[in-house]
């Protein structure tokens, strides 16, 4: 089933929610698969799955009960374009679609099960949702989070899906995912630090969403602990570590190294 085949407000909202964005997570899944000779068409369902799941998380994050955002990717958020009930159902449907898609990845059945299990863990209480819960709780906590706690929070909220994407190719090929897992762990933290930096010095038009909200809401961020320059240095070190973890793959990992460098040079 393709999204374009869906009728009605829910189907249109699902299409709307997945449009735009960088497609980084899908790129990582497809490029990691290419390291092991897996064709793009075979890996594409896993790439589509992670983008559907990521889009669901954004739709729900934008809701008034969460981050209460009016813009996402330069256009009204789903609950503004439609309504809150449609946004909740859109996120629910995209999450279900993600697991439908990942189980259509062209690889051995055991690998498909491993991908689906890993995605459920990356998306759930030990990953993205758990990190989001920690983030919400931190806003009203008596004591601010320290740097280790922020790192743990963001490793779940942002990093877990990025790590899953990075190691997906090795899992499809039933090879050791450890080097790509390390790459994904470093990349996920670098990505979040870059987001924290952009929230301070980014342009709202280029970002396609509001900036300066972290400070306004008193959120604990890498920039708050390390300062702008310190945060940028930390992100650069993480990118170098991510690239170093790919040494096993030689020149074949060139696109993944470029993706790591892009993460901290992007303007949105």
Protein backbone atom coordinates (compact mmCIF):
# COMPACT_ATOMS: atom_id res chain seq x y z
CA UNK A 1 0.00 0.00 0.00
CA UNK A 2 1.36 3.42 -1.00
CA UNK A 3 0.46 6.61 0.83
CA UNK A 4 -0.82 8.07 -2.42
CA UNK A 5 -3.54 5.40 -2.46
CA UNK A 6 -5.06 6.68 0.78
CA UNK A 7 -8.17 8.84 0.62
CA UNK A 8 -9.64 11.31 3.08
CA UNK A 9 -8.15 13.70 5.60
CA UNK A 10 -6.09 11.06 7.40
CA UNK A 11 -4.39 9.83 4.25
CA UNK A 12 -3.69 13.37 3.10
CA UNK A 13 -2.32 14.30 6.52
CA UNK A 14 0.02 11.30 6.43
CA UNK A 15 1.37 12.38 3.05
CA UNK A 16 1.70 15.95 4.29
CA UNK A 17 3.63 14.84 7.38
CA UNK A 18 6.28 12.86 5.50
CA UNK A 19 6.95 15.49 2.83
CA UNK A 20 10.05 17.67 3.11
CA UNK A 21 12.87 17.16 5.54
CA UNK A 22 16.40 15.95 4.93
CA UNK A 23 15.71 12.23 4.68
CA UNK A 24 18.88 11.62 6.69
CA UNK A 25 17.65 8.47 8.41
CA UNK A 26 16.56 6.82 5.17
CA UNK A 27 19.86 7.82 3.60
CA UNK A 28 21.77 6.15 6.42
CA UNK A 29 19.77 2.94 6.12
CA UNK A 30 20.27 2.72 2.36
CA UNK A 31 23.95 3.72 2.42
CA UNK A 32 24.79 1.32 5.24
CA UNK A 33 23.16 -1.44 3.21
CA UNK A 34 25.25 -0.48 0.18
CA UNK A 35 28.40 -1.25 2.19
CA UNK A 36 27.37 -4.90 2.03
CA UNK A 37 26.31 -4.95 -1.60
CA UNK A 38 22.59 -4.63 -0.88
CA UNK A 39 20.72 -2.86 -3.67
CA UNK A 40 18.89 0.38 -2.99
CA UNK A 41 15.53 -1.16 -3.95
CA UNK A 42 15.99 -3.92 -1.39
CA UNK A 43 16.88 -1.52 1.42
CA UNK A 44 14.31 1.14 0.49
CA UNK A 45 11.48 -0.26 2.67
CA UNK A 46 13.69 0.09 5.75
CA UNK A 47 14.49 3.65 4.72
CA UNK A 48 10.82 4.44 4.22
CA UNK A 49 10.01 2.82 7.57
CA UNK A 50 12.37 4.99 9.57
CA UNK A 51 11.15 8.16 7.85
CA UNK A 52 7.53 7.23 8.59
CA UNK A 53 8.38 6.63 12.23
CA UNK A 54 10.39 9.85 12.46
CA UNK A 55 7.50 11.79 10.88
CA UNK A 56 5.09 10.34 13.44
CA UNK A 57 7.35 11.54 16.25
CA UNK A 58 7.42 15.07 14.82
CA UNK A 59 3.64 15.22 14.40
CA UNK A 60 3.16 14.25 18.05
CA UNK A 61 6.03 16.45 19.31
CA UNK A 62 4.38 19.47 17.69
CA UNK A 63 1.07 19.00 19.51
CA UNK A 64 -0.03 21.61 22.09
CA UNK A 65 0.40 19.08 24.90
CA UNK A 66 4.05 18.59 23.90
CA UNK A 67 6.16 21.31 22.24
CA UNK A 68 3.18 23.32 20.92
CA UNK A 69 4.71 24.31 17.57
CA UNK A 70 2.94 26.05 14.69
CA UNK A 71 5.53 25.36 11.97
CA UNK A 72 7.39 22.28 10.82
CA UNK A 73 9.55 22.14 7.69
CA UNK A 74 8.37 25.61 6.72
CA UNK A 75 4.65 24.84 6.72
CA UNK A 76 1.88 24.61 9.33
CA UNK A 77 2.13 21.64 11.66
CA UNK A 78 -0.42 18.87 11.13
CA UNK A 79 -2.63 19.92 14.02
CA UNK A 80 -2.71 23.47 12.64
CA UNK A 81 -3.39 22.38 9.07
CA UNK A 82 -6.15 19.99 10.24
CA UNK A 83 -6.89 19.56 13.96
CA UNK A 84 -5.45 17.85 17.02
CA UNK A 85 -7.44 14.63 16.65
CA UNK A 86 -6.27 14.23 13.06
CA UNK A 87 -2.68 14.88 14.14
CA UNK A 88 -2.84 12.21 16.84
CA UNK A 89 -4.30 9.67 14.42
CA UNK A 90 -1.80 10.64 11.72
CA UNK A 91 1.07 9.90 14.07
CA UNK A 92 -0.53 6.61 15.14
CA UNK A 93 -1.01 5.55 11.52
CA UNK A 94 2.54 6.47 10.52
CA UNK A 95 3.94 4.47 13.41
CA UNK A 96 1.96 1.40 12.33
CA UNK A 97 3.02 1.96 8.71
CA UNK A 98 6.68 2.01 9.79
CA UNK A 99 6.50 -1.56 11.08
CA UNK A 100 4.55 -2.66 8.02
CA UNK A 101 7.32 -1.28 5.83
CA UNK A 102 10.29 -2.58 7.78
CA UNK A 103 8.92 -6.10 7.53
CA UNK A 104 8.92 -5.72 3.74
CA UNK A 105 12.67 -5.11 3.62
CA UNK A 106 14.29 -7.55 1.18
CA UNK A 107 16.60 -9.57 3.42
CA UNK A 108 16.51 -12.90 5.29
CA UNK A 109 13.48 -13.38 7.55
CA UNK A 110 15.64 -13.48 10.68
CA UNK A 111 17.16 -10.12 9.72
CA UNK A 112 13.72 -8.60 9.19
CA UNK A 113 12.68 -9.69 12.68
CA UNK A 114 15.88 -8.21 14.11
CA UNK A 115 15.22 -4.92 12.29
CA UNK A 116 11.65 -4.76 13.60
CA UNK A 117 12.69 -5.62 17.15
CA UNK A 118 15.43 -3.02 17.05
CA UNK A 119 13.06 -0.40 15.71
CA UNK A 120 10.55 -1.08 18.49
CA UNK A 121 13.30 -0.60 21.08
CA UNK A 122 14.72 2.53 19.41
CA UNK A 123 11.25 4.07 19.21
CA UNK A 124 9.99 3.09 22.65
CA UNK A 125 10.56 3.75 26.33
CA UNK A 126 14.25 2.83 26.09
CA UNK A 127 14.73 5.08 23.09
CA UNK A 128 12.91 8.00 21.50
CA UNK A 129 9.75 8.06 23.62
CA UNK A 130 11.72 7.57 26.82
CA UNK A 131 14.02 10.42 25.87
CA UNK A 132 11.06 12.66 25.13
CA UNK A 133 9.54 11.83 28.52
CA UNK A 134 12.84 12.75 30.21
CA UNK A 135 12.93 16.01 28.26
CA UNK A 136 9.42 16.98 29.37
CA UNK A 137 10.14 16.05 32.98
CA UNK A 138 13.35 18.10 32.96
CA UNK A 139 11.44 21.30 32.16
CA UNK A 140 9.81 21.29 35.59
CA UNK A 141 12.51 19.49 37.60
CA UNK A 142 13.84 21.14 40.74
CA UNK A 143 17.43 20.68 39.60
CA UNK A 144 18.71 21.16 36.03
CA UNK A 145 20.13 18.17 34.20
CA UNK A 146 23.88 17.76 34.18
CA UNK A 147 25.84 17.05 31.00
CA UNK A 148 25.77 13.27 31.44
CA UNK A 149 22.01 13.32 31.91
CA UNK A 150 21.51 15.49 28.83
CA UNK A 151 23.68 13.12 26.83
CA UNK A 152 21.62 10.12 27.99
CA UNK A 153 18.36 11.97 27.24
CA UNK A 154 19.38 12.91 23.72
CA UNK A 155 20.87 9.49 22.99
CA UNK A 156 17.29 8.27 23.34
CA UNK A 157 15.22 11.15 22.02
CA UNK A 158 17.29 11.90 18.91
CA UNK A 159 20.06 9.35 18.72
CA UNK A 160 18.21 6.03 18.92
CA UNK A 161 16.53 6.31 15.52
CA UNK A 162 19.73 7.56 13.91
CA UNK A 163 21.69 4.63 15.34
CA UNK A 164 19.05 2.17 14.12
CA UNK A 165 19.30 3.67 10.64
CA UNK A 166 23.09 3.48 10.61
CA UNK A 167 23.30 -0.15 11.65
CA UNK A 168 20.36 -1.31 9.51
CA UNK A 169 22.55 -2.31 6.58
CA UNK A 170 24.73 -4.59 8.68
CA UNK A 171 21.63 -6.22 10.14
CA UNK A 172 20.15 -6.78 6.67
CA UNK A 173 23.40 -8.45 5.65
CA UNK A 174 23.62 -10.37 8.94
CA UNK A 175 27.03 -8.88 9.66
CA UNK A 176 28.50 -7.34 12.81
CA UNK A 177 26.69 -4.01 13.35
CA UNK A 178 29.11 -2.72 16.04
CA UNK A 179 31.17 -0.31 13.86
CA UNK A 180 28.04 1.21 12.34
CA UNK A 181 26.39 1.35 15.75
CA UNK A 182 29.30 3.42 17.04
CA UNK A 183 29.06 5.63 13.97
CA UNK A 184 25.33 6.13 14.62
CA UNK A 185 25.79 6.85 18.32
CA UNK A 186 28.33 9.59 17.59
CA UNK A 187 26.34 10.97 14.69
CA UNK A 188 23.14 11.15 16.73
CA UNK A 189 24.76 13.22 19.47
CA UNK A 190 26.50 15.46 16.93
CA UNK A 191 23.14 15.98 15.20
CA UNK A 192 21.49 17.04 18.46
CA UNK A 193 24.32 19.40 19.37
CA UNK A 194 23.99 20.99 15.93
CA UNK A 195 20.26 21.40 16.60
CA UNK A 196 21.03 23.10 19.92
CA UNK A 197 23.45 25.45 18.14
CA UNK A 198 20.92 26.24 15.41
CA UNK A 199 18.27 27.02 18.03
CA UNK A 200 20.59 29.79 19.23
CA UNK A 201 22.04 31.17 16.01
CA UNK A 202 19.89 29.69 13.25
CA UNK A 203 17.46 31.55 10.98
CA UNK A 204 13.79 30.71 11.38
CA UNK A 205 13.10 30.96 7.65
CA UNK A 206 15.96 28.60 6.81
CA UNK A 207 15.02 26.26 9.64
CA UNK A 208 11.35 26.16 8.70
CA UNK A 209 10.41 26.34 12.39
CA UNK A 210 10.72 28.65 15.37
CA UNK A 211 14.15 29.20 16.92
CA UNK A 212 15.14 30.31 20.41
CA UNK A 213 12.51 28.10 22.04
CA UNK A 214 14.93 26.00 24.09
CA UNK A 215 16.19 28.97 26.07
CA UNK A 216 12.70 30.44 26.42
CA UNK A 217 11.44 27.19 27.94
CA UNK A 218 14.50 26.76 30.15
CA UNK A 219 15.55 23.52 28.51
CA UNK A 220 18.90 22.02 29.42
CA UNK A 221 21.00 21.84 26.27
CA UNK A 222 24.56 21.11 25.21
CA UNK A 223 25.00 24.80 24.41
CA UNK A 224 23.82 25.74 27.88
CA UNK A 225 26.48 23.53 29.46
CA UNK A 226 29.34 23.89 26.99
CA UNK A 227 28.74 27.32 25.45
CA UNK A 228 28.45 27.83 21.70
CA UNK A 229 32.12 27.30 20.94
CA UNK A 230 32.43 24.35 23.30
CA UNK A 231 29.33 22.71 21.81
CA UNK A 232 30.68 23.15 18.29
CA UNK A 233 34.01 21.61 19.28
CA UNK A 234 32.24 18.67 20.88
CA UNK A 235 30.18 18.11 17.74
CA UNK A 236 33.32 18.20 15.58
CA UNK A 237 35.01 15.63 17.82
CA UNK A 238 31.97 13.36 17.61
CA UNK A 239 31.94 13.60 13.83
CA UNK A 240 35.61 12.67 13.71
CA UNK A 241 34.93 9.69 15.96
CA UNK A 242 32.01 8.69 13.73
CA UNK A 243 34.21 8.83 10.64
CA UNK A 244 37.00 6.89 12.37
CA UNK A 245 34.56 4.11 13.21
CA UNK A 246 34.09 3.51 9.47
CA UNK A 247 37.76 2.69 8.82
CA UNK A 248 36.88 -0.98 8.34
CA UNK A 249 34.92 -0.11 5.19
CA UNK A 250 37.55 2.05 3.49
CA UNK A 251 36.47 4.25 0.59
CA UNK A 252 33.11 2.48 0.33
CA UNK A 253 31.95 4.48 3.35
CA UNK A 254 32.68 7.85 1.73
CA UNK A 255 29.02 8.87 1.55
CA UNK A 256 28.52 8.06 5.23
CA UNK A 257 31.54 10.19 6.14
CA UNK A 258 30.13 13.06 4.10
CA UNK A 259 26.79 12.66 5.88
CA UNK A 260 28.55 12.99 9.22
CA UNK A 261 30.24 16.21 8.12
CA UNK A 262 26.95 17.53 6.75
CA UNK A 263 25.25 17.06 10.11
CA UNK A 264 27.29 19.82 11.75
CA UNK A 265 27.52 22.13 8.71
CA UNK A 266 23.80 22.26 7.90
CA UNK A 267 21.75 25.41 8.20
CA UNK A 268 18.43 23.72 8.98
